[in-house]
Amino acid sequence: EKSVSVGFGLRESYTSAEDGAPGGG
């Protein structure tokens, strides 16, 4: 009856955003 389970997940992204750079523009 007894058990234990383990797992893991990840979400990694690359984003290119308008005016998202330091200083803008």
mmCIF file of all heavy atoms, coordinates in Angstrom:
data_MODEL
# 
_entry.id   MODEL 
# 
loop_
_atom_site.group_PDB 
_atom_site.id 
_atom_site.type_symbol 
_atom_site.label_atom_id 
_atom_site.label_alt_id 
_atom_site.label_comp_id 
_atom_site.label_asym_id 
_atom_site.label_entity_id 
_atom_site.label_seq_id 
_atom_site.pdbx_PDB_ins_code 
_atom_site.Cartn_x 
_atom_site.Cartn_y 
_atom_site.Cartn_z 
_atom_site.occupancy 
_atom_site.B_iso_or_equiv 
_atom_site.pdbx_formal_charge 
_atom_site.auth_seq_id 
_atom_site.auth_comp_id 
_atom_site.auth_asym_id 
_atom_site.auth_atom_id 
_atom_site.pdbx_PDB_model_num 
ATOM 1   N N   . GLU A 1 1  ? 0.808  -1.213 0.000   1.00 0.00 ? 1  GLU A N   1 
ATOM 2   C CA  . GLU A 1 1  ? 0.000  0.000  0.000   1.00 0.00 ? 1  GLU A CA  1 
ATOM 3   C C   . GLU A 1 1  ? 0.846  1.270  0.000   1.00 0.00 ? 1  GLU A C   1 
ATOM 4   O O   . GLU A 1 1  ? 0.500  2.245  -0.647  1.00 0.00 ? 1  GLU A O   1 
ATOM 5   C CB  . GLU A 1 1  ? -0.937 0.025  1.215   1.00 0.00 ? 1  GLU A CB  1 
ATOM 6   C CG  . GLU A 1 1  ? -2.062 -1.000 1.136   1.00 0.00 ? 1  GLU A CG  1 
ATOM 7   C CD  . GLU A 1 1  ? -3.121 -0.749 2.189   1.00 0.00 ? 1  GLU A CD  1 
ATOM 8   O OE1 . GLU A 1 1  ? -2.756 -0.437 3.344   1.00 0.00 ? 1  GLU A OE1 1 
ATOM 9   O OE2 . GLU A 1 1  ? -4.320 -0.860 1.857   1.00 0.00 ? 1  GLU A OE2 1 
ATOM 10  N N   . LYS A 1 2  ? 1.955  1.268  0.707   1.00 0.00 ? 2  LYS A N   1 
ATOM 11  C CA  . LYS A 1 2  ? 2.753  2.480  0.866   1.00 0.00 ? 2  LYS A CA  1 
ATOM 12  C C   . LYS A 1 2  ? 3.727  2.657  -0.294  1.00 0.00 ? 2  LYS A C   1 
ATOM 13  O O   . LYS A 1 2  ? 4.342  1.696  -0.762  1.00 0.00 ? 2  LYS A O   1 
ATOM 14  C CB  . LYS A 1 2  ? 3.539  2.435  2.186   1.00 0.00 ? 2  LYS A CB  1 
ATOM 15  C CG  . LYS A 1 2  ? 2.691  2.387  3.433   1.00 0.00 ? 2  LYS A CG  1 
ATOM 16  C CD  . LYS A 1 2  ? 3.571  2.383  4.666   1.00 0.00 ? 2  LYS A CD  1 
ATOM 17  C CE  . LYS A 1 2  ? 2.767  2.297  5.949   1.00 0.00 ? 2  LYS A CE  1 
ATOM 18  N NZ  . LYS A 1 2  ? 2.063  0.999  6.060   1.00 0.00 ? 2  LYS A NZ  1 
ATOM 19  N N   . SER A 1 3  ? 3.876  3.897  -0.719  1.00 0.00 ? 3  SER A N   1 
ATOM 20  C CA  . SER A 1 3  ? 4.846  4.226  -1.771  1.00 0.00 ? 3  SER A CA  1 
ATOM 21  C C   . SER A 1 3  ? 5.159  5.708  -1.719  1.00 0.00 ? 3  SER A C   1 
ATOM 22  O O   . SER A 1 3  ? 4.414  6.498  -1.132  1.00 0.00 ? 3  SER A O   1 
ATOM 23  C CB  . SER A 1 3  ? 4.300  3.861  -3.162  1.00 0.00 ? 3  SER A CB  1 
ATOM 24  O OG  . SER A 1 3  ? 3.171  4.667  -3.476  1.00 0.00 ? 3  SER A OG  1 
ATOM 25  N N   . VAL A 1 4  ? 6.280  6.074  -2.335  1.00 0.00 ? 4  VAL A N   1 
ATOM 26  C CA  . VAL A 1 4  ? 6.639  7.479  -2.497  1.00 0.00 ? 4  VAL A CA  1 
ATOM 27  C C   . VAL A 1 4  ? 7.019  7.691  -3.959  1.00 0.00 ? 4  VAL A C   1 
ATOM 28  O O   . VAL A 1 4  ? 7.473  6.766  -4.642  1.00 0.00 ? 4  VAL A O   1 
ATOM 29  C CB  . VAL A 1 4  ? 7.809  7.900  -1.578  1.00 0.00 ? 4  VAL A CB  1 
ATOM 30  C CG1 . VAL A 1 4  ? 7.394  7.848  -0.130  1.00 0.00 ? 4  VAL A CG1 1 
ATOM 31  C CG2 . VAL A 1 4  ? 9.029  7.033  -1.823  1.00 0.00 ? 4  VAL A CG2 1 
ATOM 32  N N   . SER A 1 5  ? 6.841  8.895  -4.446  1.00 0.00 ? 5  SER A N   1 
ATOM 33  C CA  . SER A 1 5  ? 7.165  9.210  -5.836  1.00 0.00 ? 5  SER A CA  1 
ATOM 34  C C   . SER A 1 5  ? 7.906  10.531 -5.904  1.00 0.00 ? 5  SER A C   1 
ATOM 35  O O   . SER A 1 5  ? 7.767  11.396 -5.032  1.00 0.00 ? 5  SER A O   1 
ATOM 36  C CB  . SER A 1 5  ? 5.896  9.285  -6.688  1.00 0.00 ? 5  SER A CB  1 
ATOM 37  O OG  . SER A 1 5  ? 5.043  10.321 -6.232  1.00 0.00 ? 5  SER A OG  1 
ATOM 38  N N   . VAL A 1 6  ? 8.701  10.687 -6.937  1.00 0.00 ? 6  VAL A N   1 
ATOM 39  C CA  . VAL A 1 6  ? 9.476  11.907 -7.125  1.00 0.00 ? 6  VAL A CA  1 
ATOM 40  C C   . VAL A 1 6  ? 9.590  12.222 -8.614  1.00 0.00 ? 6  VAL A C   1 
ATOM 41  O O   . VAL A 1 6  ? 9.632  11.317 -9.452  1.00 0.00 ? 6  VAL A O   1 
ATOM 42  C CB  . VAL A 1 6  ? 10.885 11.775 -6.489  1.00 0.00 ? 6  VAL A CB  1 
ATOM 43  C CG1 . VAL A 1 6  ? 11.671 10.660 -7.168  1.00 0.00 ? 6  VAL A CG1 1 
ATOM 44  C CG2 . VAL A 1 6  ? 11.652 13.086 -6.555  1.00 0.00 ? 6  VAL A CG2 1 
ATOM 45  N N   . GLY A 1 7  ? 9.598  13.487 -8.940  1.00 0.00 ? 7  GLY A N   1 
ATOM 46  C CA  . GLY A 1 7  ? 9.768  13.910 -10.323 1.00 0.00 ? 7  GLY A CA  1 
ATOM 47  C C   . GLY A 1 7  ? 10.142 15.384 -10.356 1.00 0.00 ? 7  GLY A C   1 
ATOM 48  O O   . GLY A 1 7  ? 10.203 16.044 -9.319  1.00 0.00 ? 7  GLY A O   1 
ATOM 49  N N   . PHE A 1 8  ? 10.418 15.900 -11.536 1.00 0.00 ? 8  PHE A N   1 
ATOM 50  C CA  . PHE A 1 8  ? 10.673 17.337 -11.639 1.00 0.00 ? 8  PHE A CA  1 
ATOM 51  C C   . PHE A 1 8  ? 10.303 17.835 -13.026 1.00 0.00 ? 8  PHE A C   1 
ATOM 52  O O   . PHE A 1 8  ? 10.174 17.063 -13.985 1.00 0.00 ? 8  PHE A O   1 
ATOM 53  C CB  . PHE A 1 8  ? 12.121 17.687 -11.285 1.00 0.00 ? 8  PHE A CB  1 
ATOM 54  C CG  . PHE A 1 8  ? 13.164 17.268 -12.284 1.00 0.00 ? 8  PHE A CG  1 
ATOM 55  C CD1 . PHE A 1 8  ? 13.529 18.118 -13.316 1.00 0.00 ? 8  PHE A CD1 1 
ATOM 56  C CD2 . PHE A 1 8  ? 13.803 16.047 -12.166 1.00 0.00 ? 8  PHE A CD2 1 
ATOM 57  C CE1 . PHE A 1 8  ? 14.508 17.745 -14.230 1.00 0.00 ? 8  PHE A CE1 1 
ATOM 58  C CE2 . PHE A 1 8  ? 14.777 15.671 -13.068 1.00 0.00 ? 8  PHE A CE2 1 
ATOM 59  C CZ  . PHE A 1 8  ? 15.136 16.514 -14.107 1.00 0.00 ? 8  PHE A CZ  1 
ATOM 60  N N   . GLY A 1 9  ? 10.106 19.152 -13.103 1.00 0.00 ? 9  GLY A N   1 
ATOM 61  C CA  . GLY A 1 9  ? 9.744  19.783 -14.362 1.00 0.00 ? 9  GLY A CA  1 
ATOM 62  C C   . GLY A 1 9  ? 10.471 21.089 -14.537 1.00 0.00 ? 9  GLY A C   1 
ATOM 63  O O   . GLY A 1 9  ? 10.906 21.715 -13.559 1.00 0.00 ? 9  GLY A O   1 
ATOM 64  N N   . LEU A 1 10 ? 10.622 21.519 -15.790 1.00 0.00 ? 10 LEU A N   1 
ATOM 65  C CA  . LEU A 1 10 ? 11.259 22.807 -16.068 1.00 0.00 ? 10 LEU A CA  1 
ATOM 66  C C   . LEU A 1 10 ? 10.664 23.428 -17.315 1.00 0.00 ? 10 LEU A C   1 
ATOM 67  O O   . LEU A 1 10 ? 10.192 22.738 -18.224 1.00 0.00 ? 10 LEU A O   1 
ATOM 68  C CB  . LEU A 1 10 ? 12.768 22.654 -16.225 1.00 0.00 ? 10 LEU A CB  1 
ATOM 69  C CG  . LEU A 1 10 ? 13.320 21.867 -17.417 1.00 0.00 ? 10 LEU A CG  1 
ATOM 70  C CD1 . LEU A 1 10 ? 13.535 22.770 -18.642 1.00 0.00 ? 10 LEU A CD1 1 
ATOM 71  C CD2 . LEU A 1 10 ? 14.626 21.197 -17.057 1.00 0.00 ? 10 LEU A CD2 1 
ATOM 72  N N   . ARG A 1 11 ? 10.696 24.765 -17.313 1.00 0.00 ? 11 ARG A N   1 
ATOM 73  C CA  . ARG A 1 11 ? 10.310 25.548 -18.483 1.00 0.00 ? 11 ARG A CA  1 
ATOM 74  C C   . ARG A 1 11 ? 11.396 26.601 -18.698 1.00 0.00 ? 11 ARG A C   1 
ATOM 75  O O   . ARG A 1 11 ? 11.590 27.482 -17.853 1.00 0.00 ? 11 ARG A O   1 
ATOM 76  C CB  . ARG A 1 11 ? 8.941  26.208 -18.290 1.00 0.00 ? 11 ARG A CB  1 
ATOM 77  C CG  . ARG A 1 11 ? 7.775  25.235 -18.372 1.00 0.00 ? 11 ARG A CG  1 
ATOM 78  C CD  . ARG A 1 11 ? 6.451  25.911 -18.045 1.00 0.00 ? 11 ARG A CD  1 
ATOM 79  N NE  . ARG A 1 11 ? 6.199  27.052 -18.909 1.00 0.00 ? 11 ARG A NE  1 
ATOM 80  C CZ  . ARG A 1 11 ? 5.684  26.987 -20.137 1.00 0.00 ? 11 ARG A CZ  1 
ATOM 81  N NH1 . ARG A 1 11 ? 5.364  25.798 -20.652 1.00 0.00 ? 11 ARG A NH1 1 
ATOM 82  N NH2 . ARG A 1 11 ? 5.477  28.082 -20.843 1.00 0.00 ? 11 ARG A NH2 1 
ATOM 83  N N   . GLU A 1 12 ? 12.087 26.493 -19.814 1.00 0.00 ? 12 GLU A N   1 
ATOM 84  C CA  . GLU A 1 12 ? 13.171 27.420 -20.167 1.00 0.00 ? 12 GLU A CA  1 
ATOM 85  C C   . GLU A 1 12 ? 12.769 28.138 -21.458 1.00 0.00 ? 12 GLU A C   1 
ATOM 86  O O   . GLU A 1 12 ? 12.257 27.505 -22.398 1.00 0.00 ? 12 GLU A O   1 
ATOM 87  C CB  . GLU A 1 12 ? 14.475 26.659 -20.380 1.00 0.00 ? 12 GLU A CB  1 
ATOM 88  C CG  . GLU A 1 12 ? 15.642 27.508 -20.847 1.00 0.00 ? 12 GLU A CG  1 
ATOM 89  C CD  . GLU A 1 12 ? 16.298 28.294 -19.738 1.00 0.00 ? 12 GLU A CD  1 
ATOM 90  O OE1 . GLU A 1 12 ? 16.054 27.954 -18.569 1.00 0.00 ? 12 GLU A OE1 1 
ATOM 91  O OE2 . GLU A 1 12 ? 17.065 29.233 -20.047 1.00 0.00 ? 12 GLU A OE2 1 
ATOM 92  N N   . SER A 1 13 ? 12.991 29.447 -21.509 1.00 0.00 ? 13 SER A N   1 
ATOM 93  C CA  . SER A 1 13 ? 12.549 30.196 -22.681 1.00 0.00 ? 13 SER A CA  1 
ATOM 94  C C   . SER A 1 13 ? 13.619 31.138 -23.207 1.00 0.00 ? 13 SER A C   1 
ATOM 95  O O   . SER A 1 13 ? 14.498 31.592 -22.470 1.00 0.00 ? 13 SER A O   1 
ATOM 96  C CB  . SER A 1 13 ? 11.286 31.000 -22.352 1.00 0.00 ? 13 SER A CB  1 
ATOM 97  O OG  . SER A 1 13 ? 11.584 32.032 -21.430 1.00 0.00 ? 13 SER A OG  1 
ATOM 98  N N   . TYR A 1 14 ? 13.502 31.420 -24.490 1.00 0.00 ? 14 TYR A N   1 
ATOM 99  C CA  . TYR A 1 14 ? 14.249 32.496 -25.136 1.00 0.00 ? 14 TYR A CA  1 
ATOM 100 C C   . TYR A 1 14 ? 13.222 33.510 -25.617 1.00 0.00 ? 14 TYR A C   1 
ATOM 101 O O   . TYR A 1 14 ? 12.242 33.142 -26.284 1.00 0.00 ? 14 TYR A O   1 
ATOM 102 C CB  . TYR A 1 14 ? 15.064 31.998 -26.317 1.00 0.00 ? 14 TYR A CB  1 
ATOM 103 C CG  . TYR A 1 14 ? 15.549 33.144 -27.186 1.00 0.00 ? 14 TYR A CG  1 
ATOM 104 C CD1 . TYR A 1 14 ? 16.646 33.913 -26.813 1.00 0.00 ? 14 TYR A CD1 1 
ATOM 105 C CD2 . TYR A 1 14 ? 14.869 33.475 -28.358 1.00 0.00 ? 14 TYR A CD2 1 
ATOM 106 C CE1 . TYR A 1 14 ? 17.064 34.986 -27.583 1.00 0.00 ? 14 TYR A CE1 1 
ATOM 107 C CE2 . TYR A 1 14 ? 15.286 34.536 -29.144 1.00 0.00 ? 14 TYR A CE2 1 
ATOM 108 C CZ  . TYR A 1 14 ? 16.386 35.290 -28.747 1.00 0.00 ? 14 TYR A CZ  1 
ATOM 109 O OH  . TYR A 1 14 ? 16.786 36.359 -29.513 1.00 0.00 ? 14 TYR A OH  1 
ATOM 110 N N   . THR A 1 15 ? 13.424 34.778 -25.282 1.00 0.00 ? 15 THR A N   1 
ATOM 111 C CA  . THR A 1 15 ? 12.465 35.814 -25.643 1.00 0.00 ? 15 THR A CA  1 
ATOM 112 C C   . THR A 1 15 ? 13.169 36.994 -26.295 1.00 0.00 ? 15 THR A C   1 
ATOM 113 O O   . THR A 1 15 ? 14.192 37.473 -25.803 1.00 0.00 ? 15 THR A O   1 
ATOM 114 C CB  . THR A 1 15 ? 11.688 36.317 -24.406 1.00 0.00 ? 15 THR A CB  1 
ATOM 115 O OG1 . THR A 1 15 ? 11.027 35.218 -23.786 1.00 0.00 ? 15 THR A OG1 1 
ATOM 116 C CG2 . THR A 1 15 ? 10.665 37.365 -24.789 1.00 0.00 ? 15 THR A CG2 1 
ATOM 117 N N   . SER A 1 16 ? 12.596 37.449 -27.388 1.00 0.00 ? 16 SER A N   1 
ATOM 118 C CA  . SER A 1 16 ? 13.013 38.689 -28.025 1.00 0.00 ? 16 SER A CA  1 
ATOM 119 C C   . SER A 1 16 ? 11.836 39.650 -27.935 1.00 0.00 ? 16 SER A C   1 
ATOM 120 O O   . SER A 1 16 ? 10.772 39.391 -28.519 1.00 0.00 ? 16 SER A O   1 
ATOM 121 C CB  . SER A 1 16 ? 13.397 38.458 -29.481 1.00 0.00 ? 16 SER A CB  1 
ATOM 122 O OG  . SER A 1 16 ? 13.659 39.690 -30.147 1.00 0.00 ? 16 SER A OG  1 
ATOM 123 N N   . ALA A 1 17 ? 12.005 40.740 -27.158 1.00 0.00 ? 17 ALA A N   1 
ATOM 124 C CA  . ALA A 1 17 ? 10.891 41.645 -26.900 1.00 0.00 ? 17 ALA A CA  1 
ATOM 125 C C   . ALA A 1 17 ? 11.218 43.050 -27.378 1.00 0.00 ? 17 ALA A C   1 
ATOM 126 O O   . ALA A 1 17 ? 12.355 43.517 -27.262 1.00 0.00 ? 17 ALA A O   1 
ATOM 127 C CB  . ALA A 1 17 ? 10.560 41.681 -25.405 1.00 0.00 ? 17 ALA A CB  1 
ATOM 128 N N   . GLU A 1 18 ? 10.203 43.731 -27.900 1.00 0.00 ? 18 GLU A N   1 
ATOM 129 C CA  . GLU A 1 18 ? 10.348 45.097 -28.366 1.00 0.00 ? 18 GLU A CA  1 
ATOM 130 C C   . GLU A 1 18 ? 10.663 46.029 -27.200 1.00 0.00 ? 18 GLU A C   1 
ATOM 131 O O   . GLU A 1 18 ? 9.984  45.989 -26.165 1.00 0.00 ? 18 GLU A O   1 
ATOM 132 C CB  . GLU A 1 18 ? 9.054  45.541 -29.039 1.00 0.00 ? 18 GLU A CB  1 
ATOM 133 C CG  . GLU A 1 18 ? 9.074  46.960 -29.582 1.00 0.00 ? 18 GLU A CG  1 
ATOM 134 C CD  . GLU A 1 18 ? 7.740  47.362 -30.169 1.00 0.00 ? 18 GLU A CD  1 
ATOM 135 O OE1 . GLU A 1 18 ? 6.723  46.769 -29.773 1.00 0.00 ? 18 GLU A OE1 1 
ATOM 136 O OE2 . GLU A 1 18 ? 7.723  48.255 -31.018 1.00 0.00 ? 18 GLU A OE2 1 
ATOM 137 N N   . ASP A 1 19 ? 11.676 46.876 -27.354 1.00 0.00 ? 19 ASP A N   1 
ATOM 138 C CA  . ASP A 1 19 ? 12.079 47.845 -26.334 1.00 0.00 ? 19 ASP A CA  1 
ATOM 139 C C   . ASP A 1 19 ? 12.344 47.186 -24.982 1.00 0.00 ? 19 ASP A C   1 
ATOM 140 O O   . ASP A 1 19 ? 12.168 47.803 -23.933 1.00 0.00 ? 19 ASP A O   1 
ATOM 141 C CB  . ASP A 1 19 ? 11.012 48.940 -26.152 1.00 0.00 ? 19 ASP A CB  1 
ATOM 142 C CG  . ASP A 1 19 ? 10.833 49.753 -27.420 1.00 0.00 ? 19 ASP A CG  1 
ATOM 143 O OD1 . ASP A 1 19 ? 11.805 49.873 -28.188 1.00 0.00 ? 19 ASP A OD1 1 
ATOM 144 O OD2 . ASP A 1 19 ? 9.716  50.246 -27.650 1.00 0.00 ? 19 ASP A OD2 1 
ATOM 145 N N   . GLY A 1 20 ? 12.766 45.914 -25.008 1.00 0.00 ? 20 GLY A N   1 
ATOM 146 C CA  . GLY A 1 20 ? 13.027 45.220 -23.754 1.00 0.00 ? 20 GLY A CA  1 
ATOM 147 C C   . GLY A 1 20 ? 14.465 45.307 -23.296 1.00 0.00 ? 20 GLY A C   1 
ATOM 148 O O   . GLY A 1 20 ? 14.792 44.886 -22.185 1.00 0.00 ? 20 GLY A O   1 
ATOM 149 N N   . ALA A 1 21 ? 15.331 45.850 -24.123 1.00 0.00 ? 21 ALA A N   1 
ATOM 150 C CA  . ALA A 1 21 ? 16.742 45.957 -23.757 1.00 0.00 ? 21 ALA A CA  1 
ATOM 151 C C   . ALA A 1 21 ? 16.955 47.090 -22.759 1.00 0.00 ? 21 ALA A C   1 
ATOM 152 O O   . ALA A 1 21 ? 16.173 48.039 -22.704 1.00 0.00 ? 21 ALA A O   1 
ATOM 153 C CB  . ALA A 1 21 ? 17.585 46.206 -25.004 1.00 0.00 ? 21 ALA A CB  1 
ATOM 154 N N   . PRO A 1 22 ? 17.997 46.999 -21.941 1.00 0.00 ? 22 PRO A N   1 
ATOM 155 C CA  . PRO A 1 22 ? 18.308 48.088 -21.000 1.00 0.00 ? 22 PRO A CA  1 
ATOM 156 C C   . PRO A 1 22 ? 18.468 49.415 -21.745 1.00 0.00 ? 22 PRO A C   1 
ATOM 157 O O   . PRO A 1 22 ? 19.150 49.492 -22.762 1.00 0.00 ? 22 PRO A O   1 
ATOM 158 C CB  . PRO A 1 22 ? 19.627 47.643 -20.364 1.00 0.00 ? 22 PRO A CB  1 
ATOM 159 C CG  . PRO A 1 22 ? 19.626 46.156 -20.494 1.00 0.00 ? 22 PRO A CG  1 
ATOM 160 C CD  . PRO A 1 22 ? 18.941 45.868 -21.805 1.00 0.00 ? 22 PRO A CD  1 
ATOM 161 N N   . GLY A 1 23 ? 17.776 50.432 -21.244 1.00 0.00 ? 23 GLY A N   1 
ATOM 162 C CA  . GLY A 1 23 ? 17.844 51.735 -21.887 1.00 0.00 ? 23 GLY A CA  1 
ATOM 163 C C   . GLY A 1 23 ? 16.777 51.949 -22.943 1.00 0.00 ? 23 GLY A C   1 
ATOM 164 O O   . GLY A 1 23 ? 16.553 53.059 -23.382 1.00 0.00 ? 23 GLY A O   1 
ATOM 165 N N   . GLY A 1 24 ? 16.093 50.875 -23.349 1.00 0.00 ? 24 GLY A N   1 
ATOM 166 C CA  . GLY A 1 24 ? 15.027 50.997 -24.317 1.00 0.00 ? 24 GLY A CA  1 
ATOM 167 C C   . GLY A 1 24 ? 15.529 51.231 -25.723 1.00 0.00 ? 24 GLY A C   1 
ATOM 168 O O   . GLY A 1 24 ? 16.708 51.421 -25.978 1.00 0.00 ? 24 GLY A O   1 
ATOM 169 N N   . GLY A 1 25 ? 14.578 51.221 -26.670 1.00 0.00 ? 25 GLY A N   1 
ATOM 170 C CA  . GLY A 1 25 ? 14.906 51.521 -28.056 1.00 0.00 ? 25 GLY A CA  1 
ATOM 171 C C   . GLY A 1 25 ? 15.415 50.343 -28.858 1.00 0.00 ? 25 GLY A C   1 
ATOM 172 O O   . GLY A 1 25 ? 15.584 50.428 -30.058 1.00 0.00 ? 25 GLY A O   1 
# 
